[in-house]
Each structure stands twice: as C-alpha cells, then as structure tokens.
Amino acid sequence: MKYIETDLKGVFIIEPNVFNDARGYFMEAWKRTEFEQHIGVVDFLQDNESKSSYGVLRGLHYQKGDASQAKLVRVIKGRVLDVAVDLRKSSETFGKHVMVELSEENKRQFFIPRGFAHGFLVLSDEAVFTYKVDNVYAPQAEAGVRWNDPQLGIDWPIDAKDVQTSEKDLKQPLFKDAEYFE
C-alpha cells in the first residue's frame, strides 16, 4: 500500500495494491503492521457502513473530548467526495480542509485522526461507505460544523439545491462557533 500524507498533518490517503485478473480483483484493505509503520498505533474497535444516494451529504461531524474518534474510511460501491477539517487550535492548519475522491474504482482509503470534523458527499447514483473507528459512538459528545460555512471555503461540486442532508446537519454551528480540540 502507498501512504500519502496530505497537507493536514496526520491525515493520509492510502492507495492499496490491487491485483486484477479475469476473475475480478484482490487487495489487502487493511494490515495492522503496515498501518502502524506508516501512521502509528490506532486501536480500531468497530466497523460501520452506510448506504446513500446521489447528493446526500453527511457531515461535518465529530465527537468531542474523550469520545473523539479516528476514522479509516473507504467506498465499496459508488463514488464520494470525502472531506476532513482541522479543528485542532494549536495546529498550523487549523480551520483548513482536505478533500479526496473515494470510489469503488480507485479503492483509495482516507485516514482522519482525532481532532478533525469529517463529512462526505455522494457523487454517484448510490454509494456504500464503510469506516473503522477507534472509539464507540457517544451521543452526548456528538458535534458538528455546518457543511456550507463560507469561512471553510469547501468547494462542494454540486449545486446546493441538490444537496440532501439531515435536519440536524442543517442546524450545525458555523466554524467560528464550533467547539475545537486542544
């Protein structure tokens, strides 16, 4: 696998080695020793999966304090634009974001450490999104940032009228009012 650190320290794009033949393909999706060699020790506890249709935007979510989560995400079916926003006040890239397209074709994965808000937008008719987390969901610690906050400057590639999101996500605070890390 190829581990590519993004402009945000600790956030990685991971490109697996994919072996294709007439029968289909094979790849190692995750290997603890290799992951730890490039990124460090992350004790993943749970795998989650969601299915969404075109225009669904989930995010920008995170959990606060001791309930914060690191995530390793990928797409099994379809195509999404995945985004991580740095919420670490002491970071040189505080308030900055990075985007990556994840798809069933490119088989890329995206590692988002604790201290980041995370979200994704479905670009295909349907997408199946899966992710590992290193902490269980804690409803009392959930938080978010509004997906279309102009201060963040995220260039979502579809018209805002075509975005489908939850009522909760529509009411998330702006970045300036969010709860940060450190």
C-alpha atoms as a PDB file:
ATOM      1  CA  MET A   1       0.000   0.000   0.000  1.00  0.00           C
ATOM      2  CA  LYS A   2       1.021   3.553  -0.616  1.00  0.00           C
ATOM      3  CA  TYR A   3       0.556   6.015   2.293  1.00  0.00           C
ATOM      4  CA  ILE A   4       0.330   9.663   1.207  1.00  0.00           C
ATOM      5  CA  GLU A   5       0.256  12.310   3.933  1.00  0.00           C
ATOM      6  CA  THR A   6      -1.902  15.284   2.941  1.00  0.00           C
ATOM      7  CA  ASP A   7      -1.267  18.953   3.708  1.00  0.00           C
ATOM      8  CA  LEU A   8      -3.004  18.362   7.056  1.00  0.00           C
ATOM      9  CA  LYS A   9      -0.585  16.631   9.430  1.00  0.00           C
ATOM     10  CA  GLY A  10      -1.810  13.159  10.344  1.00  0.00           C
ATOM     11  CA  VAL A  11      -4.380  12.889   7.543  1.00  0.00           C
ATOM     12  CA  PHE A  12      -3.463  10.235   4.976  1.00  0.00           C
ATOM     13  CA  ILE A  13      -4.705   8.938   1.640  1.00  0.00           C
ATOM     14  CA  ILE A  14      -3.980   5.231   1.359  1.00  0.00           C
ATOM     15  CA  GLU A  15      -3.773   3.575  -2.043  1.00  0.00           C
ATOM     16  CA  PRO A  16      -3.888  -0.226  -1.927  1.00  0.00           C
ATOM     17  CA  ASN A  17      -2.137  -2.601  -4.297  1.00  0.00           C
ATOM     18  CA  VAL A  18      -4.920  -4.116  -6.377  1.00  0.00           C
ATOM     19  CA  PHE A  19      -4.396  -7.348  -8.275  1.00  0.00           C
ATOM     20  CA  ASN A  20      -6.823  -7.715 -11.192  1.00  0.00           C
ATOM     21  CA  ASP A  21      -7.399 -10.708 -13.442  1.00  0.00           C
ATOM     22  CA  ALA A  22     -10.244 -12.288 -15.418  1.00  0.00           C
ATOM     23  CA  ARG A  23     -11.944 -13.385 -12.184  1.00  0.00           C
ATOM     24  CA  GLY A  24     -12.032  -9.923 -10.601  1.00  0.00           C
ATOM     25  CA  TYR A  25      -9.604  -8.409  -8.137  1.00  0.00           C
ATOM     26  CA  PHE A  26      -7.867  -8.958  -4.799  1.00  0.00           C
ATOM     27  CA  MET A  27      -6.467  -6.388  -2.382  1.00  0.00           C
ATOM     28  CA  GLU A  28      -5.482  -6.078   1.250  1.00  0.00           C
ATOM     29  CA  ALA A  29      -7.827  -3.429   2.634  1.00  0.00           C
ATOM     30  CA  TRP A  30      -6.032  -3.042   5.964  1.00  0.00           C
ATOM     31  CA  LYS A  31      -2.971  -4.563   7.560  1.00  0.00           C
ATOM     32  CA  ARG A  32      -2.188  -3.586  11.161  1.00  0.00           C
ATOM     33  CA  THR A  33       1.611  -3.860  10.972  1.00  0.00           C
ATOM     34  CA  GLU A  34       1.854  -1.811   7.797  1.00  0.00           C
ATOM     35  CA  PHE A  35      -0.653   0.769   9.038  1.00  0.00           C
ATOM     36  CA  GLU A  36       1.243   1.211  12.312  1.00  0.00           C
ATOM     37  CA  GLN A  37       4.551   1.529  10.476  1.00  0.00           C
ATOM     38  CA  HIS A  38       3.258   4.492   8.414  1.00  0.00           C
ATOM     39  CA  ILE A  39       0.643   6.141  10.647  1.00  0.00           C
ATOM     40  CA  GLY A  40       1.042   4.787  14.163  1.00  0.00           C
ATOM     41  CA  VAL A  41      -0.968   2.733  16.603  1.00  0.00           C
ATOM     42  CA  VAL A  42      -4.721   3.173  16.291  1.00  0.00           C
ATOM     43  CA  ASP A  43      -6.876   0.678  18.143  1.00  0.00           C
ATOM     44  CA  PHE A  44      -9.885   0.296  15.848  1.00  0.00           C
ATOM     45  CA  LEU A  45     -12.902  -1.053  17.771  1.00  0.00           C
ATOM     46  CA  GLN A  46     -15.752  -1.036  15.306  1.00  0.00           C
ATOM     47  CA  ASP A  47     -16.625  -1.040  11.604  1.00  0.00           C
ATOM     48  CA  ASN A  48     -19.604   0.996  10.355  1.00  0.00           C
ATOM     49  CA  GLU A  49     -21.317   1.101   6.973  1.00  0.00           C
ATOM     50  CA  SER A  50     -23.811   3.451   5.331  1.00  0.00           C
ATOM     51  CA  LYS A  51     -25.670   3.486   2.040  1.00  0.00           C
ATOM     52  CA  SER A  52     -26.673   6.791   0.466  1.00  0.00           C
ATOM     53  CA  SER A  53     -27.955   8.151  -2.823  1.00  0.00           C
ATOM     54  CA  TYR A  54     -26.732  10.960  -5.095  1.00  0.00           C
ATOM     55  CA  GLY A  55     -26.445  14.325  -3.388  1.00  0.00           C
ATOM     56  CA  VAL A  56     -26.530  13.005   0.174  1.00  0.00           C
ATOM     57  CA  LEU A  57     -24.103  14.956   2.311  1.00  0.00           C
ATOM     58  CA  ARG A  58     -23.271  13.531   5.725  1.00  0.00           C
ATOM     59  CA  GLY A  59     -21.278  15.860   7.921  1.00  0.00           C
ATOM     60  CA  LEU A  60     -19.317  17.664   9.010  1.00  0.00           C
ATOM     61  CA  HIS A  61     -19.308  15.513  12.159  1.00  0.00           C
ATOM     62  CA  TYR A  62     -17.010  14.791  15.075  1.00  0.00           C
ATOM     63  CA  GLN A  63     -17.141  13.707  18.699  1.00  0.00           C
ATOM     64  CA  LYS A  64     -15.729  15.866  21.479  1.00  0.00           C
ATOM     65  CA  GLY A  65     -13.287  15.144  24.278  1.00  0.00           C
ATOM     66  CA  ASP A  66     -12.592  11.595  25.374  1.00  0.00           C
ATOM     67  CA  ALA A  67     -15.207  10.355  22.886  1.00  0.00           C
ATOM     68  CA  SER A  68     -13.331  11.713  19.849  1.00  0.00           C
ATOM     69  CA  GLN A  69     -12.720   9.256  17.029  1.00  0.00           C
ATOM     70  CA  ALA A  70     -10.087   8.479  14.444  1.00  0.00           C
ATOM     71  CA  LYS A  71     -11.578   7.029  11.249  1.00  0.00           C
ATOM     72  CA  LEU A  72     -10.341   4.966   8.342  1.00  0.00           C
ATOM     73  CA  VAL A  73     -12.906   5.340   5.554  1.00  0.00           C
ATOM     74  CA  ARG A  74     -13.457   3.875   2.098  1.00  0.00           C
ATOM     75  CA  VAL A  75     -16.115   3.350  -0.547  1.00  0.00           C
ATOM     76  CA  ILE A  76     -17.169  -0.147  -1.560  1.00  0.00           C
ATOM     77  CA  LYS A  77     -19.723   0.933  -4.163  1.00  0.00           C
ATOM     78  CA  GLY A  78     -20.065   4.250  -5.968  1.00  0.00           C
ATOM     79  CA  ARG A  79     -18.160   7.490  -5.573  1.00  0.00           C
ATOM     80  CA  VAL A  80     -17.955  10.153  -2.858  1.00  0.00           C
ATOM     81  CA  LEU A  81     -16.056  13.326  -2.137  1.00  0.00           C
ATOM     82  CA  ASP A  82     -14.652  12.991   1.375  1.00  0.00           C
ATOM     83  CA  VAL A  83     -13.572  15.968   3.491  1.00  0.00           C
ATOM     84  CA  ALA A  84     -11.610  16.423   6.732  1.00  0.00           C
ATOM     85  CA  VAL A  85     -11.482  19.801   8.527  1.00  0.00           C
ATOM     86  CA  ASP A  86      -8.744  20.519  11.078  1.00  0.00           C
ATOM     87  CA  LEU A  87     -10.275  21.552  14.431  1.00  0.00           C
ATOM     88  CA  ARG A  88      -7.003  21.443  16.408  1.00  0.00           C
ATOM     89  CA  LYS A  89      -6.463  25.010  17.676  1.00  0.00           C
ATOM     90  CA  SER A  90      -2.711  24.500  18.084  1.00  0.00           C
ATOM     91  CA  SER A  91      -2.290  23.191  14.527  1.00  0.00           C
ATOM     92  CA  GLU A  92      -0.662  25.239  11.770  1.00  0.00           C
ATOM     93  CA  THR A  93      -3.557  24.106   9.540  1.00  0.00           C
ATOM     94  CA  PHE A  94      -6.380  24.945  11.992  1.00  0.00           C
ATOM     95  CA  GLY A  95      -9.564  25.625  10.003  1.00  0.00           C
ATOM     96  CA  LYS A  96      -8.143  24.192   6.782  1.00  0.00           C
ATOM     97  CA  HIS A  97      -9.586  21.205   4.985  1.00  0.00           C
ATOM     98  CA  VAL A  98      -8.534  18.499   2.576  1.00  0.00           C
ATOM     99  CA  MET A  99     -10.740  16.659   0.067  1.00  0.00           C
ATOM    100  CA  VAL A 100     -10.276  13.329  -1.650  1.00  0.00           C
ATOM    101  CA  GLU A 101     -12.440  11.353  -4.043  1.00  0.00           C
ATOM    102  CA  LEU A 102     -13.033   7.807  -2.864  1.00  0.00           C
ATOM    103  CA  SER A 103     -14.579   5.303  -5.228  1.00  0.00           C
ATOM    104  CA  GLU A 104     -15.037   1.633  -5.952  1.00  0.00           C
ATOM    105  CA  GLU A 105     -12.694   2.170  -8.919  1.00  0.00           C
ATOM    106  CA  ASN A 106      -9.757   3.883  -7.186  1.00  0.00           C
ATOM    107  CA  LYS A 107     -10.188   1.890  -3.933  1.00  0.00           C
ATOM    108  CA  ARG A 108      -8.482   4.680  -2.002  1.00  0.00           C
ATOM    109  CA  GLN A 109      -8.892   4.978   1.741  1.00  0.00           C
ATOM    110  CA  PHE A 110      -8.752   8.098   3.869  1.00  0.00           C
ATOM    111  CA  PHE A 111      -7.411   8.202   7.421  1.00  0.00           C
ATOM    112  CA  ILE A 112      -8.734  11.025   9.597  1.00  0.00           C
ATOM    113  CA  PRO A 113      -7.187  11.239  13.082  1.00  0.00           C
ATOM    114  CA  ARG A 114      -8.876  12.606  16.181  1.00  0.00           C
ATOM    115  CA  GLY A 115      -9.249  16.384  16.150  1.00  0.00           C
ATOM    116  CA  PHE A 116     -10.987  16.676  12.784  1.00  0.00           C
ATOM    117  CA  ALA A 117     -14.521  17.150  11.542  1.00  0.00           C
ATOM    118  CA  HIS A 118     -15.438  14.726   8.764  1.00  0.00           C
ATOM    119  CA  GLY A 119     -18.051  14.561   6.053  1.00  0.00           C
ATOM    120  CA  PHE A 120     -18.755  13.212   2.601  1.00  0.00           C
ATOM    121  CA  LEU A 121     -20.913  13.957  -0.435  1.00  0.00           C
ATOM    122  CA  VAL A 122     -22.230  11.190  -2.688  1.00  0.00           C
ATOM    123  CA  LEU A 123     -21.395  11.813  -6.360  1.00  0.00           C
ATOM    124  CA  SER A 124     -22.767   8.558  -7.851  1.00  0.00           C
ATOM    125  CA  ASP A 125     -26.354   7.295  -8.019  1.00  0.00           C
ATOM    126  CA  GLU A 126     -25.655   5.279  -4.886  1.00  0.00           C
ATOM    127  CA  ALA A 127     -22.695   4.775  -2.568  1.00  0.00           C
ATOM    128  CA  VAL A 128     -21.819   2.244   0.099  1.00  0.00           C
ATOM    129  CA  PHE A 129     -19.395   3.831   2.550  1.00  0.00           C
ATOM    130  CA  THR A 130     -17.548   1.905   5.254  1.00  0.00           C
ATOM    131  CA  TYR A 131     -15.306   3.026   8.047  1.00  0.00           C
ATOM    132  CA  LYS A 132     -13.346   1.822  11.030  1.00  0.00           C
ATOM    133  CA  VAL A 133     -13.419   3.874  14.240  1.00  0.00           C
ATOM    134  CA  ASP A 134     -11.253   3.766  17.337  1.00  0.00           C
ATOM    135  CA  ASN A 135     -13.975   4.799  19.781  1.00  0.00           C
ATOM    136  CA  VAL A 136     -17.652   3.961  20.148  1.00  0.00           C
ATOM    137  CA  TYR A 137     -20.370   6.473  19.316  1.00  0.00           C
ATOM    138  CA  ALA A 138     -21.294   8.683  22.271  1.00  0.00           C
ATOM    139  CA  PRO A 139     -24.456  10.717  21.573  1.00  0.00           C
ATOM    140  CA  GLN A 140     -23.701  13.179  24.386  1.00  0.00           C
ATOM    141  CA  ALA A 141     -20.371  14.043  22.721  1.00  0.00           C
ATOM    142  CA  GLU A 142     -21.508  14.473  19.127  1.00  0.00           C
ATOM    143  CA  ALA A 143     -20.791  17.790  17.451  1.00  0.00           C
ATOM    144  CA  GLY A 144     -20.535  19.261  14.003  1.00  0.00           C
ATOM    145  CA  VAL A 145     -19.816  22.188  11.756  1.00  0.00           C
ATOM    146  CA  ARG A 146     -22.161  23.457   9.060  1.00  0.00           C
ATOM    147  CA  TRP A 147     -21.245  21.825   5.742  1.00  0.00           C
ATOM    148  CA  ASN A 148     -21.644  25.036   3.714  1.00  0.00           C
ATOM    149  CA  ASP A 149     -19.950  27.514   6.055  1.00  0.00           C
ATOM    150  CA  PRO A 150     -18.347  30.124   3.766  1.00  0.00           C
ATOM    151  CA  GLN A 151     -15.421  30.561   6.196  1.00  0.00           C
ATOM    152  CA  LEU A 152     -14.337  26.967   5.447  1.00  0.00           C
ATOM    153  CA  GLY A 153     -14.498  27.515   1.684  1.00  0.00           C
ATOM    154  CA  ILE A 154     -15.265  23.897   0.831  1.00  0.00           C
ATOM    155  CA  ASP A 155     -15.989  23.684  -2.882  1.00  0.00           C
ATOM    156  CA  TRP A 156     -18.690  21.012  -2.978  1.00  0.00           C
ATOM    157  CA  PRO A 157     -19.043  20.062  -6.675  1.00  0.00           C
ATOM    158  CA  ILE A 158     -22.842  20.010  -6.891  1.00  0.00           C
ATOM    159  CA  ASP A 159     -25.431  22.767  -6.654  1.00  0.00           C
ATOM    160  CA  ALA A 160     -26.556  23.406  -3.061  1.00  0.00           C
ATOM    161  CA  LYS A 161     -30.189  22.827  -4.086  1.00  0.00           C
ATOM    162  CA  ASP A 162     -29.272  19.218  -4.974  1.00  0.00           C
ATOM    163  CA  VAL A 163     -27.678  18.502  -1.573  1.00  0.00           C
ATOM    164  CA  GLN A 164     -29.682  16.179   0.672  1.00  0.00           C
ATOM    165  CA  THR A 165     -28.758  16.369   4.309  1.00  0.00           C
ATOM    166  CA  SER A 166     -30.342  15.798   7.697  1.00  0.00           C
ATOM    167  CA  GLU A 167     -32.232  18.402   9.688  1.00  0.00           C
ATOM    168  CA  LYS A 168     -29.522  18.071  12.343  1.00  0.00           C
ATOM    169  CA  ASP A 169     -26.786  18.889   9.836  1.00  0.00           C
ATOM    170  CA  LEU A 170     -28.677  21.952   8.606  1.00  0.00           C
ATOM    171  CA  LYS A 171     -28.585  23.302  12.171  1.00  0.00           C
ATOM    172  CA  GLN A 172     -24.905  22.664  12.923  1.00  0.00           C
ATOM    173  CA  PRO A 173     -22.970  25.742  14.120  1.00  0.00           C
ATOM    174  CA  LEU A 174     -20.713  27.771  11.899  1.00  0.00           C
ATOM    175  CA  PHE A 175     -16.978  27.098  12.226  1.00  0.00           C
ATOM    176  CA  LYS A 176     -16.464  30.250  14.328  1.00  0.00           C
ATOM    177  CA  ASP A 177     -18.948  28.910  16.891  1.00  0.00           C
ATOM    178  CA  ALA A 178     -17.823  25.283  16.892  1.00  0.00           C
ATOM    179  CA  GLU A 179     -16.085  23.500  19.752  1.00  0.00           C
ATOM    180  CA  TYR A 180     -12.426  22.896  18.932  1.00  0.00           C
ATOM    181  CA  PHE A 181      -9.729  20.498  20.129  1.00  0.00           C
ATOM    182  CA  GLU A 182      -6.693  21.432  22.323  1.00  0.00           C
END
